[in-house]
Amino acid sequence: MIKYKRDATFQELQEYCHFSGKDDYIELTEWHNGEGFDVTIHSKTGDKSIELSWGEFEAIKALSVVFETKIEEDTFIISEEFVEDINKVFQDHFENYIGGFFTDKGT
């Protein structure tokens, strides 16, 4: 048997989601091997949980930018500069959102 501690961070959701109740929260727990993290969301609409590798997280960040910038074209080419900009925007966003949980992972 191996015993170890994992890094985790916690945030109440009411500040970010108007659907949230006063006891709703999100918690991220880094995997012991450092290759990803678990996301647990406790909310009045039901608990949710997901496991993400850092690569899956990068893909979500890239796809989310499409929604946030409201690109209306059917297709577009993503340049390396665009991807760097995406990474910077999301790193800043998540540092503010979850207190820097991702700052040491090169995202």
C-alpha atoms as a PDB file:
ATOM      1  CA  MET A   1       0.000   0.000   0.000  1.00  0.00           C
ATOM      2  CA  ILE A   2       1.247   3.466  -0.893  1.00  0.00           C
ATOM      3  CA  LYS A   3       0.029   6.549   0.939  1.00  0.00           C
ATOM      4  CA  TYR A   4       0.402   9.988  -0.618  1.00  0.00           C
ATOM      5  CA  LYS A   5      -1.073  13.472  -0.620  1.00  0.00           C
ATOM      6  CA  ARG A   6      -2.539  15.178  -3.691  1.00  0.00           C
ATOM      7  CA  ASP A   7      -2.816  18.888  -4.404  1.00  0.00           C
ATOM      8  CA  ALA A   8      -6.367  20.219  -4.609  1.00  0.00           C
ATOM      9  CA  THR A   9      -8.080  23.565  -4.944  1.00  0.00           C
ATOM     10  CA  PHE A  10     -11.642  24.598  -4.109  1.00  0.00           C
ATOM     11  CA  GLN A  11     -13.966  27.399  -5.241  1.00  0.00           C
ATOM     12  CA  GLU A  12     -17.555  28.298  -4.400  1.00  0.00           C
ATOM     13  CA  LEU A  13     -19.610  28.596  -7.596  1.00  0.00           C
ATOM     14  CA  GLN A  14     -22.057  31.396  -6.758  1.00  0.00           C
ATOM     15  CA  GLU A  15     -19.528  34.029  -7.778  1.00  0.00           C
ATOM     16  CA  TYR A  16     -19.294  32.530 -11.293  1.00  0.00           C
ATOM     17  CA  CYS A  17     -22.659  30.877 -12.002  1.00  0.00           C
ATOM     18  CA  HIS A  18     -26.028  32.506 -11.385  1.00  0.00           C
ATOM     19  CA  PHE A  19     -27.646  29.032 -11.367  1.00  0.00           C
ATOM     20  CA  SER A  20     -25.587  28.017  -8.318  1.00  0.00           C
ATOM     21  CA  GLY A  21     -26.831  27.761  -4.775  1.00  0.00           C
ATOM     22  CA  LYS A  22     -24.980  28.994  -1.693  1.00  0.00           C
ATOM     23  CA  ASP A  23     -23.449  25.554  -0.999  1.00  0.00           C
ATOM     24  CA  ASP A  24     -22.368  24.798  -4.576  1.00  0.00           C
ATOM     25  CA  TYR A  25     -18.658  24.407  -5.285  1.00  0.00           C
ATOM     26  CA  ILE A  26     -16.045  23.066  -7.694  1.00  0.00           C
ATOM     27  CA  GLU A  27     -12.924  21.213  -6.591  1.00  0.00           C
ATOM     28  CA  LEU A  28      -9.917  20.206  -8.674  1.00  0.00           C
ATOM     29  CA  THR A  29      -7.573  17.484  -7.479  1.00  0.00           C
ATOM     30  CA  GLU A  30      -4.335  16.799  -9.310  1.00  0.00           C
ATOM     31  CA  TRP A  31      -3.530  13.188 -10.145  1.00  0.00           C
ATOM     32  CA  HIS A  32      -0.690  11.662  -8.164  1.00  0.00           C
ATOM     33  CA  ASN A  33       1.284  11.083 -11.396  1.00  0.00           C
ATOM     34  CA  GLY A  34       0.800  14.733 -12.431  1.00  0.00           C
ATOM     35  CA  GLU A  35      -0.686  13.827 -15.825  1.00  0.00           C
ATOM     36  CA  GLY A  36      -4.113  15.380 -15.187  1.00  0.00           C
ATOM     37  CA  PHE A  37      -6.730  16.167 -12.587  1.00  0.00           C
ATOM     38  CA  ASP A  38     -10.200  15.275 -11.295  1.00  0.00           C
ATOM     39  CA  VAL A  39     -12.962  17.875 -11.390  1.00  0.00           C
ATOM     40  CA  THR A  40     -15.771  17.537  -8.859  1.00  0.00           C
ATOM     41  CA  ILE A  41     -18.761  19.877  -9.007  1.00  0.00           C
ATOM     42  CA  HIS A  42     -21.294  19.832  -6.200  1.00  0.00           C
ATOM     43  CA  SER A  43     -24.462  21.723  -7.073  1.00  0.00           C
ATOM     44  CA  LYS A  44     -28.151  21.853  -6.332  1.00  0.00           C
ATOM     45  CA  THR A  45     -28.791  20.419  -9.804  1.00  0.00           C
ATOM     46  CA  GLY A  46     -26.716  17.326  -9.018  1.00  0.00           C
ATOM     47  CA  ASP A  47     -23.120  16.330  -8.464  1.00  0.00           C
ATOM     48  CA  LYS A  48     -20.794  15.899 -11.435  1.00  0.00           C
ATOM     49  CA  SER A  49     -17.314  14.569 -11.806  1.00  0.00           C
ATOM     50  CA  ILE A  50     -14.850  14.292 -14.675  1.00  0.00           C
ATOM     51  CA  GLU A  51     -11.260  13.205 -15.106  1.00  0.00           C
ATOM     52  CA  LEU A  52      -9.089  15.180 -17.542  1.00  0.00           C
ATOM     53  CA  SER A  53      -5.539  14.731 -18.745  1.00  0.00           C
ATOM     54  CA  TRP A  54      -3.607  17.933 -19.366  1.00  0.00           C
ATOM     55  CA  GLY A  55      -3.950  17.279 -23.122  1.00  0.00           C
ATOM     56  CA  GLU A  56      -7.725  16.980 -22.849  1.00  0.00           C
ATOM     57  CA  PHE A  57      -7.766  20.207 -20.865  1.00  0.00           C
ATOM     58  CA  GLU A  58      -5.735  21.940 -23.602  1.00  0.00           C
ATOM     59  CA  ALA A  59      -8.275  20.770 -26.196  1.00  0.00           C
ATOM     60  CA  ILE A  60     -11.166  22.135 -24.106  1.00  0.00           C
ATOM     61  CA  LYS A  61      -9.388  25.476 -23.798  1.00  0.00           C
ATOM     62  CA  ALA A  62      -8.922  25.681 -27.556  1.00  0.00           C
ATOM     63  CA  LEU A  63     -12.540  24.763 -28.253  1.00  0.00           C
ATOM     64  CA  SER A  64     -13.858  27.166 -25.623  1.00  0.00           C
ATOM     65  CA  VAL A  65     -12.178  30.102 -27.336  1.00  0.00           C
ATOM     66  CA  VAL A  66     -14.381  29.443 -30.360  1.00  0.00           C
ATOM     67  CA  PHE A  67     -17.456  30.012 -28.199  1.00  0.00           C
ATOM     68  CA  GLU A  68     -16.026  32.971 -26.319  1.00  0.00           C
ATOM     69  CA  THR A  69     -14.966  34.836 -29.435  1.00  0.00           C
ATOM     70  CA  LYS A  70     -18.193  33.854 -31.221  1.00  0.00           C
ATOM     71  CA  ILE A  71     -16.504  32.880 -34.453  1.00  0.00           C
ATOM     72  CA  GLU A  72     -19.260  32.411 -37.007  1.00  0.00           C
ATOM     73  CA  GLU A  73     -17.260  30.893 -39.848  1.00  0.00           C
ATOM     74  CA  ASP A  74     -17.725  27.215 -40.647  1.00  0.00           C
ATOM     75  CA  THR A  75     -13.990  26.490 -40.718  1.00  0.00           C
ATOM     76  CA  PHE A  76     -10.828  28.356 -39.900  1.00  0.00           C
ATOM     77  CA  ILE A  77      -7.111  27.648 -39.546  1.00  0.00           C
ATOM     78  CA  ILE A  78      -5.520  27.987 -36.124  1.00  0.00           C
ATOM     79  CA  SER A  79      -2.009  29.429 -36.257  1.00  0.00           C
ATOM     80  CA  GLU A  80       0.649  28.793 -33.614  1.00  0.00           C
ATOM     81  CA  GLU A  81       0.318  32.441 -32.563  1.00  0.00           C
ATOM     82  CA  PHE A  82      -3.443  31.971 -32.063  1.00  0.00           C
ATOM     83  CA  VAL A  83      -2.823  28.896 -29.885  1.00  0.00           C
ATOM     84  CA  GLU A  84      -0.282  30.845 -27.801  1.00  0.00           C
ATOM     85  CA  ASP A  85      -2.854  33.621 -27.333  1.00  0.00           C
ATOM     86  CA  ILE A  86      -5.464  31.038 -26.305  1.00  0.00           C
ATOM     87  CA  ASN A  87      -3.111  29.540 -23.735  1.00  0.00           C
ATOM     88  CA  LYS A  88      -2.344  32.975 -22.262  1.00  0.00           C
ATOM     89  CA  VAL A  89      -6.023  33.948 -22.015  1.00  0.00           C
ATOM     90  CA  PHE A  90      -7.000  30.703 -20.314  1.00  0.00           C
ATOM     91  CA  GLN A  91      -3.983  30.642 -18.018  1.00  0.00           C
ATOM     92  CA  ASP A  92      -4.904  34.136 -16.805  1.00  0.00           C
ATOM     93  CA  HIS A  93      -8.580  33.152 -16.516  1.00  0.00           C
ATOM     94  CA  PHE A  94      -7.931  29.989 -14.519  1.00  0.00           C
ATOM     95  CA  GLU A  95      -5.320  31.627 -12.292  1.00  0.00           C
ATOM     96  CA  ASN A  96      -7.993  34.116 -11.279  1.00  0.00           C
ATOM     97  CA  TYR A  97     -10.693  31.444 -11.061  1.00  0.00           C
ATOM     98  CA  ILE A  98      -8.930  28.775  -9.035  1.00  0.00           C
ATOM     99  CA  GLY A  99      -6.039  30.536  -7.391  1.00  0.00           C
ATOM    100  CA  GLY A 100      -3.222  29.444  -9.687  1.00  0.00           C
ATOM    101  CA  PHE A 101      -3.791  25.661  -9.581  1.00  0.00           C
ATOM    102  CA  PHE A 102      -2.488  25.302 -13.156  1.00  0.00           C
ATOM    103  CA  THR A 103       0.409  27.753 -12.994  1.00  0.00           C
ATOM    104  CA  ASP A 104       3.078  25.070 -12.477  1.00  0.00           C
ATOM    105  CA  LYS A 105       1.916  22.835 -15.334  1.00  0.00           C
ATOM    106  CA  GLY A 106       3.030  24.913 -18.295  1.00  0.00           C
ATOM    107  CA  THR A 107      -0.509  25.679 -19.443  1.00  0.00           C
END
